[in-house]
Every structure is written in C-alpha cells, then in structure tokens.
N, C-alpha and C. Protein backbone atom coordinates (compact mmCIF):
# COMPACT_ATOMS: atom_id res chain seq x y z
N MET A 1 140.53 8.87 197.87
CA MET A 1 139.11 8.81 197.55
C MET A 1 138.91 8.50 196.08
N GLN A 2 139.64 9.22 195.20
CA GLN A 2 139.51 9.01 193.76
C GLN A 2 139.94 7.58 193.40
N GLN A 3 140.98 7.08 194.06
CA GLN A 3 141.48 5.75 193.78
C GLN A 3 140.43 4.70 194.13
N ASN A 4 139.73 4.85 195.26
CA ASN A 4 138.68 3.92 195.65
C ASN A 4 137.54 3.93 194.65
N ARG A 5 137.19 5.12 194.17
CA ARG A 5 136.10 5.23 193.21
C ARG A 5 136.47 4.53 191.90
N THR A 6 137.69 4.73 191.43
CA THR A 6 138.16 4.07 190.20
C THR A 6 138.17 2.56 190.39
N ARG A 7 138.61 2.13 191.51
CA ARG A 7 138.66 0.70 191.80
C ARG A 7 137.27 0.09 191.79
N SER A 8 136.28 0.75 192.41
CA SER A 8 134.93 0.22 192.44
C SER A 8 134.31 0.20 191.05
N LEU A 9 134.66 1.18 190.21
CA LEU A 9 134.14 1.18 188.84
C LEU A 9 134.70 0.02 188.04
N THR A 10 135.99 -0.28 188.21
CA THR A 10 136.57 -1.40 187.46
C THR A 10 136.04 -2.72 188.00
N GLN A 11 135.81 -2.81 189.28
CA GLN A 11 135.23 -4.03 189.83
C GLN A 11 133.83 -4.24 189.28
N GLY A 12 133.08 -3.18 189.14
CA GLY A 12 131.75 -3.28 188.57
C GLY A 12 131.80 -3.75 187.13
N ALA A 13 132.79 -3.30 186.36
CA ALA A 13 132.94 -3.73 184.97
C ALA A 13 133.26 -5.22 184.92
N ASP A 14 134.14 -5.68 185.84
CA ASP A 14 134.44 -7.10 185.89
C ASP A 14 133.19 -7.91 186.21
N PHE A 15 132.41 -7.41 187.14
CA PHE A 15 131.19 -8.11 187.51
C PHE A 15 130.24 -8.19 186.33
N ASP A 16 130.08 -7.07 185.62
CA ASP A 16 129.17 -7.06 184.49
C ASP A 16 129.62 -8.03 183.42
N GLU A 17 130.93 -8.09 183.14
CA GLU A 17 131.45 -9.00 182.13
C GLU A 17 131.23 -10.44 182.57
N SER A 18 131.50 -10.74 183.83
CA SER A 18 131.30 -12.08 184.35
C SER A 18 129.82 -12.45 184.34
N GLY A 19 128.98 -11.50 184.72
CA GLY A 19 127.54 -11.75 184.70
C GLY A 19 127.03 -12.00 183.30
N SER A 20 127.57 -11.29 182.33
CA SER A 20 127.18 -11.49 180.93
C SER A 20 127.59 -12.88 180.45
N ARG A 21 128.77 -13.30 180.84
CA ARG A 21 129.24 -14.64 180.46
C ARG A 21 128.34 -15.71 181.06
N LYS A 22 127.98 -15.53 182.31
CA LYS A 22 127.12 -16.51 182.96
C LYS A 22 125.74 -16.53 182.32
N LEU A 23 125.22 -15.37 182.00
CA LEU A 23 123.92 -15.30 181.34
C LEU A 23 123.98 -15.97 179.97
N PHE A 24 125.05 -15.76 179.24
CA PHE A 24 125.23 -16.40 177.93
C PHE A 24 125.30 -17.91 178.09
N ALA A 25 126.09 -18.39 179.07
CA ALA A 25 126.21 -19.84 179.32
C ALA A 25 124.87 -20.43 179.72
N LEU A 26 124.13 -19.73 180.57
CA LEU A 26 122.82 -20.21 181.00
C LEU A 26 121.86 -20.27 179.81
N THR A 27 121.91 -19.26 178.96
CA THR A 27 121.05 -19.25 177.77
C THR A 27 121.38 -20.42 176.86
N LEU A 28 122.68 -20.68 176.64
CA LEU A 28 123.08 -21.82 175.81
C LEU A 28 122.59 -23.13 176.41
N PHE A 29 122.74 -23.26 177.73
CA PHE A 29 122.30 -24.48 178.39
C PHE A 29 120.79 -24.67 178.25
N LEU A 30 120.03 -23.61 178.49
CA LEU A 30 118.57 -23.73 178.39
C LEU A 30 118.14 -24.04 176.96
N LEU A 31 118.80 -23.46 175.97
CA LEU A 31 118.51 -23.81 174.58
C LEU A 31 118.84 -25.27 174.32
N GLY A 32 119.91 -25.74 174.92
CA GLY A 32 120.27 -27.16 174.80
C GLY A 32 119.22 -28.07 175.40
N VAL A 33 118.70 -27.69 176.56
CA VAL A 33 117.64 -28.49 177.20
C VAL A 33 116.39 -28.50 176.33
N VAL A 34 116.04 -27.34 175.77
CA VAL A 34 114.88 -27.28 174.87
C VAL A 34 115.13 -28.19 173.66
N GLY A 35 116.35 -28.19 173.15
CA GLY A 35 116.69 -29.08 172.04
C GLY A 35 116.58 -30.55 172.43
N LEU A 36 117.04 -30.89 173.64
CA LEU A 36 116.92 -32.27 174.12
C LEU A 36 115.44 -32.66 174.26
N LEU A 37 114.64 -31.76 174.80
CA LEU A 37 113.21 -32.04 174.96
C LEU A 37 112.55 -32.25 173.61
N TYR A 38 112.84 -31.36 172.68
CA TYR A 38 112.24 -31.47 171.35
C TYR A 38 112.70 -32.76 170.66
N GLY A 39 114.02 -32.99 170.65
CA GLY A 39 114.55 -34.18 169.97
C GLY A 39 114.08 -35.48 170.60
N SER A 40 113.74 -35.45 171.87
CA SER A 40 113.32 -36.67 172.57
C SER A 40 111.82 -36.90 172.56
N LEU A 41 111.04 -35.84 172.49
CA LEU A 41 109.60 -36.00 172.71
C LEU A 41 108.74 -35.81 171.47
N VAL A 42 109.33 -35.47 170.32
CA VAL A 42 108.50 -35.36 169.12
C VAL A 42 108.31 -36.75 168.52
N PRO A 43 107.23 -36.95 167.79
CA PRO A 43 107.03 -38.25 167.11
C PRO A 43 108.20 -38.56 166.16
N GLY A 44 108.44 -39.82 165.94
CA GLY A 44 109.59 -40.27 165.16
C GLY A 44 109.71 -39.62 163.80
N ARG A 45 108.61 -39.39 163.12
CA ARG A 45 108.68 -38.83 161.77
C ARG A 45 109.09 -37.35 161.78
N LEU A 46 108.93 -36.66 162.91
CA LEU A 46 109.29 -35.25 163.02
C LEU A 46 110.67 -35.02 163.63
N ARG A 47 111.28 -36.10 164.11
CA ARG A 47 112.56 -35.97 164.82
C ARG A 47 113.67 -35.58 163.85
N PRO A 48 114.44 -34.55 164.20
CA PRO A 48 115.57 -34.19 163.33
C PRO A 48 116.63 -35.27 163.36
N ARG A 49 117.26 -35.50 162.25
CA ARG A 49 118.31 -36.52 162.15
C ARG A 49 119.59 -35.86 161.63
N SER A 50 120.71 -36.31 162.18
CA SER A 50 122.01 -35.77 161.76
C SER A 50 122.69 -36.67 160.74
N GLY A 51 122.25 -37.89 160.64
CA GLY A 51 122.91 -38.86 159.77
C GLY A 51 123.90 -39.73 160.54
N LEU A 52 124.17 -39.37 161.79
CA LEU A 52 125.04 -40.18 162.64
C LEU A 52 124.25 -41.33 163.25
N ASP A 53 124.97 -42.30 163.77
CA ASP A 53 124.33 -43.39 164.52
C ASP A 53 123.56 -42.80 165.70
N GLY A 54 122.42 -43.39 166.03
CA GLY A 54 121.57 -42.88 167.11
C GLY A 54 122.29 -42.79 168.45
N HIS A 55 123.16 -43.76 168.73
CA HIS A 55 123.88 -43.73 170.00
C HIS A 55 124.87 -42.56 170.05
N ILE A 56 125.50 -42.29 168.93
CA ILE A 56 126.43 -41.15 168.88
C ILE A 56 125.65 -39.85 169.01
N GLU A 57 124.49 -39.75 168.36
CA GLU A 57 123.64 -38.56 168.51
C GLU A 57 123.29 -38.32 169.97
N HIS A 58 122.88 -39.39 170.66
CA HIS A 58 122.51 -39.26 172.07
C HIS A 58 123.70 -38.75 172.89
N GLY A 59 124.86 -39.38 172.73
CA GLY A 59 126.04 -38.99 173.50
C GLY A 59 126.45 -37.56 173.22
N LEU A 60 126.47 -37.16 171.95
CA LEU A 60 126.86 -35.80 171.61
C LEU A 60 125.88 -34.76 172.15
N ALA A 61 124.60 -35.06 172.05
CA ALA A 61 123.60 -34.11 172.53
C ALA A 61 123.78 -33.83 174.02
N TYR A 62 123.97 -34.86 174.81
CA TYR A 62 124.13 -34.66 176.25
C TYR A 62 125.50 -34.11 176.60
N ALA A 63 126.54 -34.45 175.83
CA ALA A 63 127.86 -33.88 176.07
C ALA A 63 127.84 -32.37 175.82
N LEU A 64 127.17 -31.94 174.75
CA LEU A 64 127.09 -30.51 174.47
C LEU A 64 126.26 -29.78 175.53
N GLY A 65 125.17 -30.41 175.97
CA GLY A 65 124.36 -29.81 177.03
C GLY A 65 125.15 -29.64 178.32
N GLY A 66 125.92 -30.65 178.66
CA GLY A 66 126.75 -30.57 179.87
C GLY A 66 127.87 -29.56 179.73
N ALA A 67 128.46 -29.48 178.54
CA ALA A 67 129.55 -28.53 178.32
C ALA A 67 129.04 -27.09 178.42
N ALA A 68 127.83 -26.85 177.95
CA ALA A 68 127.27 -25.49 178.04
C ALA A 68 127.05 -25.07 179.49
N LEU A 69 126.87 -26.05 180.35
CA LEU A 69 126.61 -25.76 181.76
C LEU A 69 127.89 -25.50 182.57
N LEU A 70 129.03 -25.97 182.08
CA LEU A 70 130.28 -25.88 182.84
C LEU A 70 130.66 -24.49 183.32
N PRO A 71 130.52 -23.43 182.50
CA PRO A 71 130.93 -22.11 183.00
C PRO A 71 130.13 -21.62 184.21
N LEU A 72 128.99 -22.24 184.47
CA LEU A 72 128.15 -21.81 185.59
C LEU A 72 128.51 -22.51 186.90
N LEU A 73 129.34 -23.53 186.83
CA LEU A 73 129.61 -24.37 187.99
C LEU A 73 130.93 -24.00 188.63
N SER A 74 130.92 -23.85 189.95
CA SER A 74 132.12 -23.36 190.62
C SER A 74 132.70 -24.34 191.64
N SER A 75 132.06 -25.47 191.87
CA SER A 75 132.60 -26.41 192.83
C SER A 75 132.35 -27.84 192.36
N PRO A 76 133.14 -28.79 192.84
CA PRO A 76 132.93 -30.18 192.45
C PRO A 76 131.51 -30.67 192.77
N LEU A 77 130.95 -30.22 193.88
CA LEU A 77 129.59 -30.63 194.22
C LEU A 77 128.59 -30.14 193.18
N HIS A 78 128.75 -28.91 192.70
CA HIS A 78 127.86 -28.37 191.67
C HIS A 78 127.99 -29.19 190.39
N VAL A 79 129.21 -29.58 190.03
CA VAL A 79 129.44 -30.36 188.82
C VAL A 79 128.76 -31.73 188.94
N LEU A 80 128.94 -32.38 190.08
CA LEU A 80 128.32 -33.70 190.27
C LEU A 80 126.80 -33.60 190.28
N THR A 81 126.27 -32.58 190.90
CA THR A 81 124.82 -32.38 190.93
C THR A 81 124.28 -32.16 189.52
N ALA A 82 124.96 -31.31 188.75
CA ALA A 82 124.52 -31.05 187.37
C ALA A 82 124.61 -32.32 186.52
N GLY A 83 125.69 -33.07 186.69
CA GLY A 83 125.83 -34.34 185.95
C GLY A 83 124.73 -35.32 186.29
N ALA A 84 124.44 -35.44 187.58
CA ALA A 84 123.36 -36.34 188.01
C ALA A 84 122.01 -35.87 187.47
N GLY A 85 121.81 -34.56 187.45
CA GLY A 85 120.56 -34.01 186.91
C GLY A 85 120.40 -34.32 185.43
N LEU A 86 121.49 -34.20 184.67
CA LEU A 86 121.41 -34.51 183.23
C LEU A 86 121.18 -36.00 182.99
N VAL A 87 121.78 -36.85 183.81
CA VAL A 87 121.53 -38.30 183.68
C VAL A 87 120.06 -38.60 184.02
N ALA A 88 119.52 -37.95 185.05
CA ALA A 88 118.11 -38.14 185.40
C ALA A 88 117.21 -37.65 184.26
N LEU A 89 117.55 -36.51 183.65
CA LEU A 89 116.79 -36.02 182.52
C LEU A 89 116.82 -37.02 181.37
N ALA A 90 117.98 -37.59 181.10
CA ALA A 90 118.10 -38.60 180.04
C ALA A 90 117.20 -39.80 180.33
N ALA A 91 117.16 -40.23 181.58
CA ALA A 91 116.32 -41.38 181.94
C ALA A 91 114.84 -41.06 181.75
N VAL A 92 114.42 -39.91 182.22
CA VAL A 92 113.01 -39.51 182.10
C VAL A 92 112.60 -39.38 180.64
N LEU A 93 113.43 -38.71 179.85
CA LEU A 93 113.08 -38.51 178.44
C LEU A 93 113.08 -39.82 177.66
N GLU A 94 114.02 -40.69 177.96
CA GLU A 94 114.04 -41.99 177.26
C GLU A 94 112.82 -42.82 177.64
N PHE A 95 112.45 -42.81 178.91
CA PHE A 95 111.27 -43.56 179.35
C PHE A 95 109.99 -42.99 178.74
N ALA A 96 109.93 -41.68 178.63
CA ALA A 96 108.73 -41.04 178.07
C ALA A 96 108.50 -41.41 176.61
N GLN A 97 109.54 -41.84 175.94
CA GLN A 97 109.40 -42.20 174.53
C GLN A 97 108.55 -43.45 174.32
N ARG A 98 108.25 -44.16 175.38
CA ARG A 98 107.37 -45.34 175.28
C ARG A 98 106.00 -44.96 174.73
N TRP A 99 105.55 -43.75 175.01
CA TRP A 99 104.20 -43.34 174.64
C TRP A 99 104.16 -42.40 173.43
N ILE A 100 105.28 -42.26 172.76
CA ILE A 100 105.34 -41.35 171.61
C ILE A 100 105.37 -42.17 170.34
N PRO A 101 104.45 -41.89 169.40
CA PRO A 101 104.39 -42.66 168.16
C PRO A 101 105.71 -42.60 167.38
N GLY A 102 106.15 -43.75 166.93
CA GLY A 102 107.36 -43.82 166.13
C GLY A 102 108.65 -43.75 166.94
N ARG A 103 108.56 -43.79 168.25
CA ARG A 103 109.73 -43.75 169.12
C ARG A 103 109.79 -45.01 169.95
N SER A 104 110.97 -45.31 170.46
CA SER A 104 111.14 -46.49 171.31
C SER A 104 111.97 -46.12 172.53
N CYS A 105 111.73 -46.83 173.59
CA CYS A 105 112.45 -46.63 174.85
C CYS A 105 113.50 -47.74 174.93
N ARG A 106 114.76 -47.38 174.81
CA ARG A 106 115.83 -48.38 174.81
C ARG A 106 116.88 -48.05 175.86
N MET A 107 117.30 -49.07 176.55
CA MET A 107 118.35 -48.92 177.57
C MET A 107 119.66 -48.48 176.92
N THR A 108 119.96 -48.96 175.72
CA THR A 108 121.22 -48.57 175.06
C THR A 108 121.23 -47.08 174.74
N HIS A 109 120.07 -46.52 174.40
CA HIS A 109 120.01 -45.08 174.14
C HIS A 109 120.25 -44.29 175.44
N PHE A 110 119.66 -44.76 176.51
CA PHE A 110 119.89 -44.10 177.80
C PHE A 110 121.37 -44.18 178.18
N LEU A 111 121.98 -45.34 178.01
CA LEU A 111 123.39 -45.49 178.35
C LEU A 111 124.28 -44.59 177.49
N ALA A 112 123.92 -44.41 176.23
CA ALA A 112 124.68 -43.50 175.36
C ALA A 112 124.54 -42.06 175.85
N SER A 113 123.34 -41.68 176.24
CA SER A 113 123.12 -40.33 176.76
C SER A 113 123.90 -40.11 178.06
N ALA A 114 123.82 -41.09 178.96
CA ALA A 114 124.53 -40.98 180.24
C ALA A 114 126.04 -40.95 180.01
N SER A 115 126.52 -41.70 179.04
CA SER A 115 127.95 -41.67 178.72
C SER A 115 128.36 -40.30 178.20
N GLY A 116 127.48 -39.66 177.43
CA GLY A 116 127.77 -38.31 176.95
C GLY A 116 127.88 -37.31 178.08
N VAL A 117 127.13 -37.53 179.15
CA VAL A 117 127.19 -36.63 180.31
C VAL A 117 128.53 -36.78 181.04
N LEU A 118 129.13 -37.95 180.97
CA LEU A 118 130.38 -38.20 181.70
C LEU A 118 131.53 -37.31 181.23
N VAL A 119 131.58 -37.01 179.94
CA VAL A 119 132.71 -36.23 179.42
C VAL A 119 132.75 -34.82 180.03
N PRO A 120 131.68 -34.02 179.93
CA PRO A 120 131.76 -32.70 180.55
C PRO A 120 131.80 -32.76 182.08
N THR A 121 131.23 -33.80 182.67
CA THR A 121 131.28 -33.93 184.13
C THR A 121 132.72 -34.16 184.58
N ALA A 122 133.43 -35.05 183.88
CA ALA A 122 134.84 -35.30 184.22
C ALA A 122 135.68 -34.04 184.01
N ALA A 123 135.43 -33.34 182.91
CA ALA A 123 136.17 -32.10 182.64
C ALA A 123 135.86 -31.05 183.73
N GLY A 124 134.60 -30.94 184.09
CA GLY A 124 134.21 -29.99 185.13
C GLY A 124 134.83 -30.32 186.47
N LEU A 125 134.87 -31.61 186.81
CA LEU A 125 135.50 -32.00 188.08
C LEU A 125 136.99 -31.66 188.07
N ALA A 126 137.65 -31.93 186.95
CA ALA A 126 139.07 -31.63 186.86
C ALA A 126 139.31 -30.13 187.01
N LEU A 127 138.51 -29.33 186.35
CA LEU A 127 138.68 -27.87 186.43
C LEU A 127 138.37 -27.33 187.82
N THR A 128 137.29 -27.80 188.42
CA THR A 128 136.94 -27.26 189.74
C THR A 128 137.89 -27.75 190.81
N TYR A 129 138.34 -29.00 190.75
CA TYR A 129 139.31 -29.47 191.73
C TYR A 129 140.62 -28.70 191.59
N ARG A 130 141.00 -28.43 190.34
CA ARG A 130 142.22 -27.67 190.12
C ARG A 130 142.09 -26.27 190.69
N THR A 131 140.95 -25.64 190.47
CA THR A 131 140.70 -24.29 190.98
C THR A 131 140.67 -24.29 192.51
N VAL A 132 139.98 -25.26 193.10
CA VAL A 132 139.88 -25.35 194.56
C VAL A 132 141.26 -25.59 195.14
N ALA A 133 142.04 -26.49 194.54
CA ALA A 133 143.37 -26.78 195.06
C ALA A 133 144.28 -25.57 194.94
N ARG A 134 144.21 -24.85 193.81
CA ARG A 134 145.05 -23.68 193.61
C ARG A 134 144.68 -22.58 194.61
N CYS A 135 143.39 -22.37 194.84
CA CYS A 135 142.95 -21.34 195.77
C CYS A 135 143.36 -21.68 197.20
N SER A 136 143.21 -22.93 197.59
CA SER A 136 143.53 -23.30 198.97
C SER A 136 145.04 -23.37 199.17
N LEU A 137 145.81 -23.57 198.09
CA LEU A 137 147.25 -23.61 198.20
C LEU A 137 147.79 -22.23 198.58
N TRP A 138 147.20 -21.18 198.04
CA TRP A 138 147.69 -19.82 198.29
C TRP A 138 146.98 -19.13 199.45
N SER A 139 145.97 -19.74 199.99
CA SER A 139 145.23 -19.09 201.09
C SER A 139 145.96 -19.18 202.40
C-alpha cells in the first residue's frame, strides 16, 4: 500500500514538471505569435528592425516561432499541422500588409517566412518519427 502511494506521488510530480514545461513552451509560442502579429501589422515607421536583411528577419522570426512550438507536438501529424498553420499565418500577415501604411506585400517575404517554418518542421518530424519508431520497436 505504501509503495503504491509513493509511486502515485512521484508520478504526480512527473506530471506537474511535464505540465509546467508544456505551459512554458505554450507561453513562448504565444509570445512569438504576438511578436509576429506586431512586427507584421504595425505601420512601417513603427516596425522594429534588427539590422538584418528583411528576408533573414522573416525566416528567423518564423523559425523561432516554430521552434517554440516543438515541445508541444507529439506526433508527425501534429508537426505537419503546426507547420501548415504557421505558413498560413505568414501568408495572411503578408497579404494584410497591403493596407498598412509604409508596408508592402511581397511574395519574396512570404517565401522567406515559409522557408523559416521548414527548419523547425523538419526537426520536429525527425524527432517525432524517431520517437514513434523507438516506441513501436519496443512495443
């Protein structure tokens, strides 16, 4: 009886630690989305600049957003869905810039953003396929 109780307490601690990690990852991702929204939808004169080329800024912003999402994804389908969602967000935000003063809607910027999504998506697919293969190998 005592052994079962100790075991359930340690399992609860593992759950709490895992839940905290997921909450932290979700918070980082949501902050990243807010950053993407702000950086994409403010007028040109208010847009923060890093000093890097615009295409590199686009790619890095979406790569970091996708990387923040990776700890929350547990299957290849989740990774592909998240990647597609980020590419769709990039398309919508780039198109919306047509109506924002001092901003322009460019296909090259969208392609840079979508390319940035590919890096964490590929990493996520590799990690989830590896995890799925390892789990099914021992099952």
